[in-house]
Amino acid sequence: MKALSIIAVVLAGLSFFIPVVGVFTAMLATLLGLIAFRSESTLSGVAIGLNLLNTAFFSPSLLIAEAVNQSENIDSAGDLYWFYVGFHVVALVIGIILAYTKKKV
């Protein structure tokens, strides 16, 4: 599981530099980090935290897509943005719950 969390951190780092597909790479890295969270909580937490920062603040393609979505549908204020950011927040909360419920062997 350590290798899986290292791959998640590497993908999280790469998602900062990939222009359009970086949001989906961040989601994949979050899923990998969530799978490995129970055994490697530190590295997986770093990966999910990096993905959250990337999606929330450093993703211009997501902001452009949200602007286009809002211009087409006035009632959807931030739905696309909050879906992607909420995905990472929910994954982080689930990971923390998994880390706290880990049985000591």
N, C-alpha and C. Protein backbone atom coordinates (compact mmCIF):
# COMPACT_ATOMS: atom_id res chain seq x y z
N MET A 1 0.80 -1.20 0.00
CA MET A 1 0.00 0.00 0.00
C MET A 1 0.85 1.27 0.00
N LYS A 2 2.10 1.13 0.45
CA LYS A 2 2.98 2.30 0.44
C LYS A 2 3.25 2.75 -0.99
N ALA A 3 3.42 1.78 -1.89
CA ALA A 3 3.65 2.13 -3.30
C ALA A 3 2.44 2.84 -3.89
N LEU A 4 1.25 2.41 -3.50
CA LEU A 4 0.03 3.05 -4.01
C LEU A 4 -0.09 4.49 -3.54
N SER A 5 0.28 4.73 -2.30
CA SER A 5 0.22 6.11 -1.79
C SER A 5 1.33 6.97 -2.41
N ILE A 6 2.48 6.39 -2.72
CA ILE A 6 3.53 7.14 -3.40
C ILE A 6 3.08 7.49 -4.82
N ILE A 7 2.44 6.55 -5.50
CA ILE A 7 1.90 6.84 -6.84
C ILE A 7 0.86 7.95 -6.76
N ALA A 8 0.04 7.95 -5.70
CA ALA A 8 -0.97 9.00 -5.52
C ALA A 8 -0.31 10.37 -5.34
N VAL A 9 0.79 10.42 -4.59
CA VAL A 9 1.48 11.69 -4.39
C VAL A 9 2.12 12.17 -5.70
N VAL A 10 2.70 11.25 -6.45
CA VAL A 10 3.31 11.62 -7.74
C VAL A 10 2.25 12.13 -8.71
N LEU A 11 1.12 11.42 -8.79
CA LEU A 11 0.03 11.89 -9.66
C LEU A 11 -0.53 13.23 -9.20
N ALA A 12 -0.58 13.43 -7.88
CA ALA A 12 -1.04 14.72 -7.35
C ALA A 12 -0.10 15.83 -7.77
N GLY A 13 1.19 15.56 -7.74
CA GLY A 13 2.15 16.56 -8.18
C GLY A 13 2.07 16.83 -9.66
N LEU A 14 1.88 15.78 -10.44
CA LEU A 14 1.76 15.95 -11.89
C LEU A 14 0.48 16.69 -12.29
N SER A 15 -0.57 16.53 -11.51
CA SER A 15 -1.83 17.16 -11.88
C SER A 15 -1.77 18.69 -11.81
N PHE A 16 -0.77 19.24 -11.11
CA PHE A 16 -0.59 20.69 -11.09
C PHE A 16 -0.15 21.21 -12.46
N PHE A 17 0.56 20.39 -13.22
CA PHE A 17 1.16 20.84 -14.47
C PHE A 17 0.42 20.40 -15.71
N ILE A 18 -0.56 19.53 -15.59
CA ILE A 18 -1.34 19.07 -16.74
C ILE A 18 -2.52 20.02 -16.91
N PRO A 19 -2.66 20.68 -18.07
CA PRO A 19 -3.63 21.77 -18.19
C PRO A 19 -5.10 21.35 -18.07
N VAL A 20 -5.59 20.51 -18.94
CA VAL A 20 -7.04 20.26 -18.96
C VAL A 20 -7.41 18.99 -18.20
N VAL A 21 -6.61 17.96 -18.35
CA VAL A 21 -6.92 16.66 -17.76
C VAL A 21 -6.42 16.59 -16.31
N GLY A 22 -5.81 17.66 -15.82
CA GLY A 22 -5.28 17.67 -14.46
C GLY A 22 -6.33 17.47 -13.39
N VAL A 23 -7.54 17.94 -13.63
CA VAL A 23 -8.63 17.76 -12.67
C VAL A 23 -8.97 16.28 -12.54
N PHE A 24 -9.01 15.58 -13.66
CA PHE A 24 -9.34 14.16 -13.63
C PHE A 24 -8.17 13.34 -13.09
N THR A 25 -6.95 13.78 -13.35
CA THR A 25 -5.78 13.12 -12.77
C THR A 25 -5.79 13.29 -11.25
N ALA A 26 -6.20 14.44 -10.79
CA ALA A 26 -6.31 14.68 -9.35
C ALA A 26 -7.38 13.79 -8.73
N MET A 27 -8.47 13.57 -9.44
CA MET A 27 -9.51 12.69 -8.92
C MET A 27 -9.02 11.24 -8.85
N LEU A 28 -8.26 10.81 -9.86
CA LEU A 28 -7.69 9.47 -9.84
C LEU A 28 -6.70 9.32 -8.68
N ALA A 29 -5.87 10.34 -8.48
CA ALA A 29 -4.91 10.30 -7.37
C ALA A 29 -5.63 10.29 -6.02
N THR A 30 -6.75 10.99 -5.93
CA THR A 30 -7.53 10.97 -4.69
C THR A 30 -8.10 9.59 -4.42
N LEU A 31 -8.59 8.92 -5.46
CA LEU A 31 -9.10 7.56 -5.28
C LEU A 31 -7.99 6.60 -4.85
N LEU A 32 -6.81 6.73 -5.45
CA LEU A 32 -5.68 5.89 -5.05
C LEU A 32 -5.28 6.18 -3.62
N GLY A 33 -5.27 7.44 -3.24
CA GLY A 33 -4.94 7.81 -1.87
C GLY A 33 -5.97 7.31 -0.88
N LEU A 34 -7.23 7.30 -1.28
CA LEU A 34 -8.29 6.81 -0.40
C LEU A 34 -8.17 5.31 -0.18
N ILE A 35 -7.78 4.59 -1.23
CA ILE A 35 -7.60 3.14 -1.10
C ILE A 35 -6.46 2.84 -0.12
N ALA A 36 -5.40 3.63 -0.18
CA ALA A 36 -4.22 3.38 0.65
C ALA A 36 -4.26 4.12 1.99
N PHE A 37 -5.33 4.81 2.31
CA PHE A 37 -5.36 5.67 3.49
C PHE A 37 -5.26 4.88 4.79
N ARG A 38 -5.84 3.71 4.84
CA ARG A 38 -5.86 2.96 6.09
C ARG A 38 -4.45 2.54 6.52
N SER A 39 -3.61 2.14 5.56
CA SER A 39 -2.26 1.68 5.94
C SER A 39 -1.22 2.79 5.89
N GLU A 40 -1.35 3.74 4.99
CA GLU A 40 -0.39 4.84 4.86
C GLU A 40 -1.14 6.17 4.92
N SER A 41 -1.53 6.56 6.11
CA SER A 41 -2.38 7.74 6.22
C SER A 41 -1.64 9.04 5.95
N THR A 42 -0.36 9.11 6.24
CA THR A 42 0.38 10.36 6.05
C THR A 42 0.54 10.69 4.57
N LEU A 43 1.09 9.75 3.80
CA LEU A 43 1.28 9.99 2.37
C LEU A 43 -0.05 10.16 1.64
N SER A 44 -1.03 9.39 2.02
CA SER A 44 -2.33 9.51 1.37
C SER A 44 -3.01 10.83 1.71
N GLY A 45 -2.85 11.28 2.94
CA GLY A 45 -3.39 12.58 3.32
C GLY A 45 -2.72 13.72 2.59
N VAL A 46 -1.41 13.60 2.37
CA VAL A 46 -0.69 14.61 1.60
C VAL A 46 -1.19 14.62 0.16
N ALA A 47 -1.40 13.44 -0.42
CA ALA A 47 -1.88 13.36 -1.81
C ALA A 47 -3.26 13.99 -1.94
N ILE A 48 -4.16 13.66 -1.03
CA ILE A 48 -5.52 14.21 -1.12
C ILE A 48 -5.51 15.71 -0.83
N GLY A 49 -4.67 16.15 0.09
CA GLY A 49 -4.55 17.58 0.37
C GLY A 49 -4.01 18.36 -0.83
N LEU A 50 -3.00 17.80 -1.50
CA LEU A 50 -2.49 18.45 -2.72
C LEU A 50 -3.56 18.52 -3.80
N ASN A 51 -4.33 17.45 -3.93
CA ASN A 51 -5.39 17.45 -4.93
C ASN A 51 -6.48 18.46 -4.60
N LEU A 52 -6.78 18.60 -3.33
CA LEU A 52 -7.78 19.59 -2.91
C LEU A 52 -7.30 21.00 -3.22
N LEU A 53 -6.03 21.29 -2.91
CA LEU A 53 -5.48 22.61 -3.23
C LEU A 53 -5.46 22.86 -4.73
N ASN A 54 -5.07 21.84 -5.48
CA ASN A 54 -5.02 21.97 -6.93
C ASN A 54 -6.39 22.27 -7.51
N THR A 55 -7.38 21.52 -7.08
CA THR A 55 -8.72 21.69 -7.64
C THR A 55 -9.35 23.00 -7.17
N ALA A 56 -9.15 23.36 -5.92
CA ALA A 56 -9.81 24.54 -5.39
C ALA A 56 -9.19 25.85 -5.88
N PHE A 57 -7.87 25.90 -6.02
CA PHE A 57 -7.22 27.18 -6.28
C PHE A 57 -6.41 27.25 -7.56
N PHE A 58 -5.86 26.13 -8.02
CA PHE A 58 -4.90 26.18 -9.13
C PHE A 58 -5.41 25.53 -10.40
N SER A 59 -6.70 25.50 -10.62
CA SER A 59 -7.24 24.84 -11.80
C SER A 59 -8.00 25.85 -12.67
N PRO A 60 -7.30 26.49 -13.59
CA PRO A 60 -8.00 27.48 -14.43
C PRO A 60 -9.00 26.84 -15.38
N SER A 61 -8.75 25.61 -15.81
CA SER A 61 -9.71 24.96 -16.71
C SER A 61 -11.03 24.69 -16.01
N LEU A 62 -10.99 24.38 -14.71
CA LEU A 62 -12.22 24.19 -13.96
C LEU A 62 -12.97 25.50 -13.79
N LEU A 63 -12.25 26.58 -13.57
CA LEU A 63 -12.90 27.89 -13.43
C LEU A 63 -13.51 28.35 -14.75
N ILE A 64 -12.83 28.06 -15.86
CA ILE A 64 -13.39 28.41 -17.17
C ILE A 64 -14.63 27.58 -17.46
N ALA A 65 -14.58 26.28 -17.15
CA ALA A 65 -15.75 25.43 -17.36
C ALA A 65 -16.92 25.87 -16.50
N GLU A 66 -16.63 26.30 -15.28
CA GLU A 66 -17.68 26.80 -14.41
C GLU A 66 -18.27 28.10 -14.95
N ALA A 67 -17.45 28.97 -15.51
CA ALA A 67 -17.96 30.22 -16.08
C ALA A 67 -18.85 29.94 -17.28
N VAL A 68 -18.45 28.99 -18.12
CA VAL A 68 -19.28 28.63 -19.28
C VAL A 68 -20.59 28.01 -18.81
N ASN A 69 -20.52 27.14 -17.80
CA ASN A 69 -21.73 26.50 -17.28
C ASN A 69 -22.67 27.54 -16.67
N GLN A 70 -22.11 28.51 -15.98
CA GLN A 70 -22.96 29.53 -15.36
C GLN A 70 -23.55 30.47 -16.40
N SER A 71 -22.84 30.71 -17.51
CA SER A 71 -23.39 31.58 -18.54
C SER A 71 -24.54 30.91 -19.28
N GLU A 72 -24.49 29.60 -19.38
CA GLU A 72 -25.58 28.88 -20.04
C GLU A 72 -26.78 28.68 -19.12
N ASN A 73 -26.52 28.47 -17.84
CA ASN A 73 -27.58 28.20 -16.89
C ASN A 73 -27.36 29.10 -15.68
N ILE A 74 -28.16 30.12 -15.56
CA ILE A 74 -27.96 31.14 -14.51
C ILE A 74 -28.16 30.54 -13.12
N ASP A 75 -29.03 29.55 -12.98
CA ASP A 75 -29.36 29.01 -11.67
C ASP A 75 -28.26 28.14 -11.08
N SER A 76 -27.29 27.70 -11.86
CA SER A 76 -26.26 26.78 -11.36
C SER A 76 -25.03 27.57 -10.93
N ALA A 77 -25.13 28.21 -9.78
CA ALA A 77 -24.02 29.03 -9.29
C ALA A 77 -23.02 28.15 -8.55
N GLY A 78 -21.97 27.75 -9.24
CA GLY A 78 -20.89 27.01 -8.61
C GLY A 78 -21.10 25.53 -8.47
N ASP A 79 -22.07 24.95 -9.16
CA ASP A 79 -22.35 23.53 -9.01
C ASP A 79 -21.18 22.66 -9.45
N LEU A 80 -20.61 22.96 -10.59
CA LEU A 80 -19.50 22.17 -11.11
C LEU A 80 -18.28 22.29 -10.21
N TYR A 81 -17.97 23.49 -9.78
CA TYR A 81 -16.83 23.73 -8.90
C TYR A 81 -16.99 22.99 -7.58
N TRP A 82 -18.16 23.10 -6.98
CA TRP A 82 -18.36 22.46 -5.68
C TRP A 82 -18.43 20.95 -5.78
N PHE A 83 -18.81 20.42 -6.95
CA PHE A 83 -18.78 18.97 -7.13
C PHE A 83 -17.34 18.47 -7.07
N TYR A 84 -16.44 19.11 -7.80
CA TYR A 84 -15.05 18.65 -7.82
C TYR A 84 -14.34 18.89 -6.49
N VAL A 85 -14.55 20.04 -5.90
CA VAL A 85 -13.93 20.31 -4.60
C VAL A 85 -14.54 19.43 -3.52
N GLY A 86 -15.85 19.26 -3.56
CA GLY A 86 -16.53 18.41 -2.59
C GLY A 86 -16.11 16.95 -2.67
N PHE A 87 -15.77 16.49 -3.89
CA PHE A 87 -15.28 15.12 -4.06
C PHE A 87 -14.02 14.90 -3.23
N HIS A 88 -13.10 15.85 -3.27
CA HIS A 88 -11.85 15.72 -2.52
C HIS A 88 -12.08 15.88 -1.01
N VAL A 89 -12.98 16.77 -0.63
CA VAL A 89 -13.25 16.97 0.79
C VAL A 89 -13.90 15.72 1.39
N VAL A 90 -14.86 15.14 0.68
CA VAL A 90 -15.52 13.92 1.17
C VAL A 90 -14.52 12.77 1.23
N ALA A 91 -13.63 12.66 0.25
CA ALA A 91 -12.61 11.61 0.27
C ALA A 91 -11.67 11.79 1.46
N LEU A 92 -11.32 13.04 1.78
CA LEU A 92 -10.45 13.29 2.92
C LEU A 92 -11.14 12.93 4.23
N VAL A 93 -12.41 13.23 4.36
CA VAL A 93 -13.15 12.89 5.58
C VAL A 93 -13.28 11.37 5.71
N ILE A 94 -13.57 10.69 4.61
CA ILE A 94 -13.65 9.22 4.65
C ILE A 94 -12.30 8.63 5.02
N GLY A 95 -11.22 9.18 4.48
CA GLY A 95 -9.89 8.70 4.82
C GLY A 95 -9.54 8.89 6.29
N ILE A 96 -9.92 10.02 6.84
CA ILE A 96 -9.66 10.26 8.26
C ILE A 96 -10.45 9.28 9.12
N ILE A 97 -11.68 9.01 8.73
CA ILE A 97 -12.48 8.01 9.45
C ILE A 97 -11.83 6.63 9.35
N LEU A 98 -11.34 6.28 8.16
CA LEU A 98 -10.66 5.00 8.00
C LEU A 98 -9.40 4.92 8.86
N ALA A 99 -8.66 6.01 8.96
CA ALA A 99 -7.43 6.01 9.77
C ALA A 99 -7.74 5.87 11.25
N TYR A 100 -8.83 6.48 11.71
CA TYR A 100 -9.17 6.38 13.13
C TYR A 100 -9.77 5.04 13.49
N THR A 101 -10.40 4.38 12.55
CA THR A 101 -11.02 3.08 12.85
C THR A 101 -10.09 1.91 12.56
N LYS A 102 -8.83 2.20 12.27
CA LYS A 102 -7.85 1.13 11.99
C LYS A 102 -7.61 0.32 13.25
N LYS A 103 -7.66 -0.99 13.10
CA LYS A 103 -7.42 -1.86 14.26
C LYS A 103 -5.93 -2.03 14.48
N LYS A 104 -5.53 -1.99 15.72
CA LYS A 104 -4.13 -2.22 16.09
C LYS A 104 -3.89 -3.72 16.14
N VAL A 105 -2.89 -4.17 15.43
CA VAL A 105 -2.59 -5.61 15.41
C VAL A 105 -1.36 -5.87 16.23
